[in-house]
Amino acid sequence: MPSNNSIHAIHPYLDNGLWVFDDAAVGLVQEPFVAGADLIIDRLAEQVPDARNGFTLIFSELPFPGHQVSLEWLHEECGGNVYRCNELDMVGWLCPALLKYFNEPPKQIYAEVRARGNAN
């Protein structure tokens, strides 16, 4: 069941060349980013020192102070959803695990990356 929180945080890290994340609260372990979403994460991770060992990705369907990028829903595909990141001019697919955080695929997702443990 999706969380009632409007702002979510996950902590992606590289594992065997794949960006993955764990979230015990929703039952995900080494959930990978694939199909273009991994390339978007690559670009976002460039902004974070030592991102290969993990960073924080904050996201919401509502704009929030400090968000760096927004993803615009394009269409459903293969049980997941395709989004466009206009700031990076990239497209990526988000798997059905997205619905662990939202009742339905949001039309917009706003995101910020920061070093893990950085409160600012």
C-alpha atoms as a PDB file:
ATOM      1  CA  MET A   1       0.000   0.000   0.000  1.00  0.00           C
ATOM      2  CA  PRO A   2       1.426   3.415  -0.935  1.00  0.00           C
ATOM      3  CA  SER A   3       2.714   5.663   1.808  1.00  0.00           C
ATOM      4  CA  ASN A   4       0.639   8.605   3.012  1.00  0.00           C
ATOM      5  CA  ASN A   5       3.734  10.828   2.906  1.00  0.00           C
ATOM      6  CA  SER A   6       3.828  13.417   0.162  1.00  0.00           C
ATOM      7  CA  ILE A   7       7.653  13.506   0.124  1.00  0.00           C
ATOM      8  CA  HIS A   8       9.654  10.295  -0.126  1.00  0.00           C
ATOM      9  CA  ALA A   9      13.359   9.500   0.129  1.00  0.00           C
ATOM     10  CA  ILE A  10      15.340   6.545  -1.152  1.00  0.00           C
ATOM     11  CA  HIS A  11      19.072   5.896  -1.154  1.00  0.00           C
ATOM     12  CA  PRO A  12      20.358   4.615  -4.515  1.00  0.00           C
ATOM     13  CA  TYR A  13      23.804   3.020  -4.726  1.00  0.00           C
ATOM     14  CA  LEU A  14      25.777   1.131  -7.362  1.00  0.00           C
ATOM     15  CA  ASP A  15      25.759  -2.650  -7.155  1.00  0.00           C
ATOM     16  CA  ASN A  16      27.518  -4.662  -9.887  1.00  0.00           C
ATOM     17  CA  GLY A  17      27.198  -1.714 -12.265  1.00  0.00           C
ATOM     18  CA  LEU A  18      23.482  -1.113 -11.629  1.00  0.00           C
ATOM     19  CA  TRP A  19      21.867   1.695  -9.665  1.00  0.00           C
ATOM     20  CA  VAL A  20      19.666  -0.013  -7.071  1.00  0.00           C
ATOM     21  CA  PHE A  21      17.947   0.904  -3.819  1.00  0.00           C
ATOM     22  CA  ASP A  22      16.533  -0.830  -0.769  1.00  0.00           C
ATOM     23  CA  ASP A  23      13.413   0.268   1.070  1.00  0.00           C
ATOM     24  CA  ALA A  24      12.354  -2.117   3.819  1.00  0.00           C
ATOM     25  CA  ALA A  25       9.258  -0.003   4.523  1.00  0.00           C
ATOM     26  CA  VAL A  26       7.772  -1.028   1.162  1.00  0.00           C
ATOM     27  CA  GLY A  27       9.478  -4.410   0.785  1.00  0.00           C
ATOM     28  CA  LEU A  28      12.087  -3.563  -1.863  1.00  0.00           C
ATOM     29  CA  VAL A  29      15.622  -4.962  -1.884  1.00  0.00           C
ATOM     30  CA  GLN A  30      18.148  -4.037  -4.580  1.00  0.00           C
ATOM     31  CA  GLU A  31      15.370  -2.652  -6.788  1.00  0.00           C
ATOM     32  CA  PRO A  32      17.158  -1.610  -9.999  1.00  0.00           C
ATOM     33  CA  PHE A  33      16.781   1.473 -12.144  1.00  0.00           C
ATOM     34  CA  VAL A  34      16.741   0.362 -15.808  1.00  0.00           C
ATOM     35  CA  ALA A  35      15.540   1.409 -19.270  1.00  0.00           C
ATOM     36  CA  GLY A  36      16.772   4.987 -19.245  1.00  0.00           C
ATOM     37  CA  ALA A  37      16.012   5.692 -15.578  1.00  0.00           C
ATOM     38  CA  ASP A  38      19.541   4.407 -14.851  1.00  0.00           C
ATOM     39  CA  LEU A  39      20.985   6.999 -17.239  1.00  0.00           C
ATOM     40  CA  ILE A  40      18.986   9.773 -15.563  1.00  0.00           C
ATOM     41  CA  ILE A  41      20.348   8.587 -12.191  1.00  0.00           C
ATOM     42  CA  ASP A  42      23.879   8.641 -13.686  1.00  0.00           C
ATOM     43  CA  ARG A  43      23.456  12.302 -14.599  1.00  0.00           C
ATOM     44  CA  LEU A  44      21.889  13.272 -11.270  1.00  0.00           C
ATOM     45  CA  ALA A  45      24.609  11.402  -9.363  1.00  0.00           C
ATOM     46  CA  GLU A  46      27.273  13.586 -11.025  1.00  0.00           C
ATOM     47  CA  GLN A  47      26.149  16.358  -8.647  1.00  0.00           C
ATOM     48  CA  VAL A  48      26.844  14.299  -5.509  1.00  0.00           C
ATOM     49  CA  PRO A  49      30.312  13.553  -4.096  1.00  0.00           C
ATOM     50  CA  ASP A  50      30.995   9.806  -3.782  1.00  0.00           C
ATOM     51  CA  ALA A  51      27.529   8.989  -5.175  1.00  0.00           C
ATOM     52  CA  ARG A  52      28.660   5.496  -6.240  1.00  0.00           C
ATOM     53  CA  ASN A  53      28.550   4.518  -2.557  1.00  0.00           C
ATOM     54  CA  GLY A  54      25.066   5.915  -2.124  1.00  0.00           C
ATOM     55  CA  PHE A  55      23.184   9.190  -2.080  1.00  0.00           C
ATOM     56  CA  THR A  56      19.748  10.435  -1.136  1.00  0.00           C
ATOM     57  CA  LEU A  57      17.033  10.920  -3.753  1.00  0.00           C
ATOM     58  CA  ILE A  58      14.048  12.913  -2.498  1.00  0.00           C
ATOM     59  CA  PHE A  59      10.901  12.873  -4.637  1.00  0.00           C
ATOM     60  CA  SER A  60       7.292  14.006  -4.607  1.00  0.00           C
ATOM     61  CA  GLU A  61       4.385  14.500  -6.972  1.00  0.00           C
ATOM     62  CA  LEU A  62       4.186  18.053  -5.618  1.00  0.00           C
ATOM     63  CA  PRO A  63       6.851  20.720  -6.157  1.00  0.00           C
ATOM     64  CA  PHE A  64       8.997  21.347  -3.069  1.00  0.00           C
ATOM     65  CA  PRO A  65      11.745  23.866  -2.250  1.00  0.00           C
ATOM     66  CA  GLY A  66      15.096  22.667  -3.562  1.00  0.00           C
ATOM     67  CA  HIS A  67      13.861  20.242  -6.216  1.00  0.00           C
ATOM     68  CA  GLN A  68      16.367  20.084  -9.058  1.00  0.00           C
ATOM     69  CA  VAL A  69      14.466  18.224 -11.760  1.00  0.00           C
ATOM     70  CA  SER A  70      10.946  17.270 -12.698  1.00  0.00           C
ATOM     71  CA  LEU A  71       9.744  14.218 -14.549  1.00  0.00           C
ATOM     72  CA  GLU A  72       6.732  14.495 -16.817  1.00  0.00           C
ATOM     73  CA  TRP A  73       4.570  11.399 -17.381  1.00  0.00           C
ATOM     74  CA  LEU A  74       4.429  10.343 -21.027  1.00  0.00           C
ATOM     75  CA  HIS A  75       2.722   6.934 -21.155  1.00  0.00           C
ATOM     76  CA  GLU A  76       2.358   3.485 -19.606  1.00  0.00           C
ATOM     77  CA  GLU A  77       4.630   0.769 -20.976  1.00  0.00           C
ATOM     78  CA  CYS A  78       5.280  -2.859 -19.961  1.00  0.00           C
ATOM     79  CA  GLY A  79       3.510  -2.437 -16.622  1.00  0.00           C
ATOM     80  CA  GLY A  80       5.582   0.633 -15.718  1.00  0.00           C
ATOM     81  CA  ASN A  81       5.546   4.261 -16.793  1.00  0.00           C
ATOM     82  CA  VAL A  82       7.720   6.372 -19.068  1.00  0.00           C
ATOM     83  CA  TYR A  83       8.748   9.841 -17.894  1.00  0.00           C
ATOM     84  CA  ARG A  84      10.638  12.700 -19.524  1.00  0.00           C
ATOM     85  CA  CYS A  85      13.133  14.775 -17.565  1.00  0.00           C
ATOM     86  CA  ASN A  86      13.077  18.098 -19.393  1.00  0.00           C
ATOM     87  CA  GLU A  87      16.016  19.560 -17.448  1.00  0.00           C
ATOM     88  CA  LEU A  88      18.266  16.736 -18.665  1.00  0.00           C
ATOM     89  CA  ASP A  89      16.509  16.133 -22.000  1.00  0.00           C
ATOM     90  CA  MET A  90      16.222  12.429 -21.165  1.00  0.00           C
ATOM     91  CA  VAL A  91      13.502   9.787 -21.021  1.00  0.00           C
ATOM     92  CA  GLY A  92      13.349   6.839 -18.613  1.00  0.00           C
ATOM     93  CA  TRP A  93      11.035   4.038 -17.568  1.00  0.00           C
ATOM     94  CA  LEU A  94       9.972   3.612 -13.947  1.00  0.00           C
ATOM     95  CA  CYS A  95       8.920   0.087 -13.028  1.00  0.00           C
ATOM     96  CA  PRO A  96       5.740  -0.893 -11.159  1.00  0.00           C
ATOM     97  CA  ALA A  97       7.586  -0.336  -7.846  1.00  0.00           C
ATOM     98  CA  LEU A  98       6.587   3.321  -8.369  1.00  0.00           C
ATOM     99  CA  LEU A  99       3.167   2.296  -7.082  1.00  0.00           C
ATOM    100  CA  LYS A 100       4.721   1.453  -3.711  1.00  0.00           C
ATOM    101  CA  TYR A 101       4.933   5.243  -3.259  1.00  0.00           C
ATOM    102  CA  PHE A 102       1.897   6.558  -5.178  1.00  0.00           C
ATOM    103  CA  ASN A 103      -1.679   5.326  -5.636  1.00  0.00           C
ATOM    104  CA  GLU A 104      -1.370   5.942  -9.367  1.00  0.00           C
ATOM    105  CA  PRO A 105       1.487   7.121 -11.581  1.00  0.00           C
ATOM    106  CA  PRO A 106       1.865  10.865 -10.975  1.00  0.00           C
ATOM    107  CA  LYS A 107       1.662  13.220 -13.936  1.00  0.00           C
ATOM    108  CA  GLN A 108       4.733  15.006 -12.524  1.00  0.00           C
ATOM    109  CA  ILE A 109       7.481  13.870 -10.170  1.00  0.00           C
ATOM    110  CA  TYR A 110       9.820  16.442  -8.612  1.00  0.00           C
ATOM    111  CA  ALA A 111      13.214  15.303  -7.359  1.00  0.00           C
ATOM    112  CA  GLU A 112      16.342  16.418  -5.550  1.00  0.00           C
ATOM    113  CA  VAL A 113      19.626  14.580  -5.024  1.00  0.00           C
ATOM    114  CA  ARG A 114      22.017  15.175  -2.144  1.00  0.00           C
ATOM    115  CA  ALA A 115      24.828  13.460  -0.336  1.00  0.00           C
ATOM    116  CA  ARG A 116      23.599  10.790   2.015  1.00  0.00           C
ATOM    117  CA  GLY A 117      23.258  12.158   5.528  1.00  0.00           C
ATOM    118  CA  ASN A 118      23.271  15.787   4.344  1.00  0.00           C
ATOM    119  CA  ALA A 119      20.367  17.546   6.065  1.00  0.00           C
ATOM    120  CA  ASN A 120      20.455  20.610   3.798  1.00  0.00           C
END
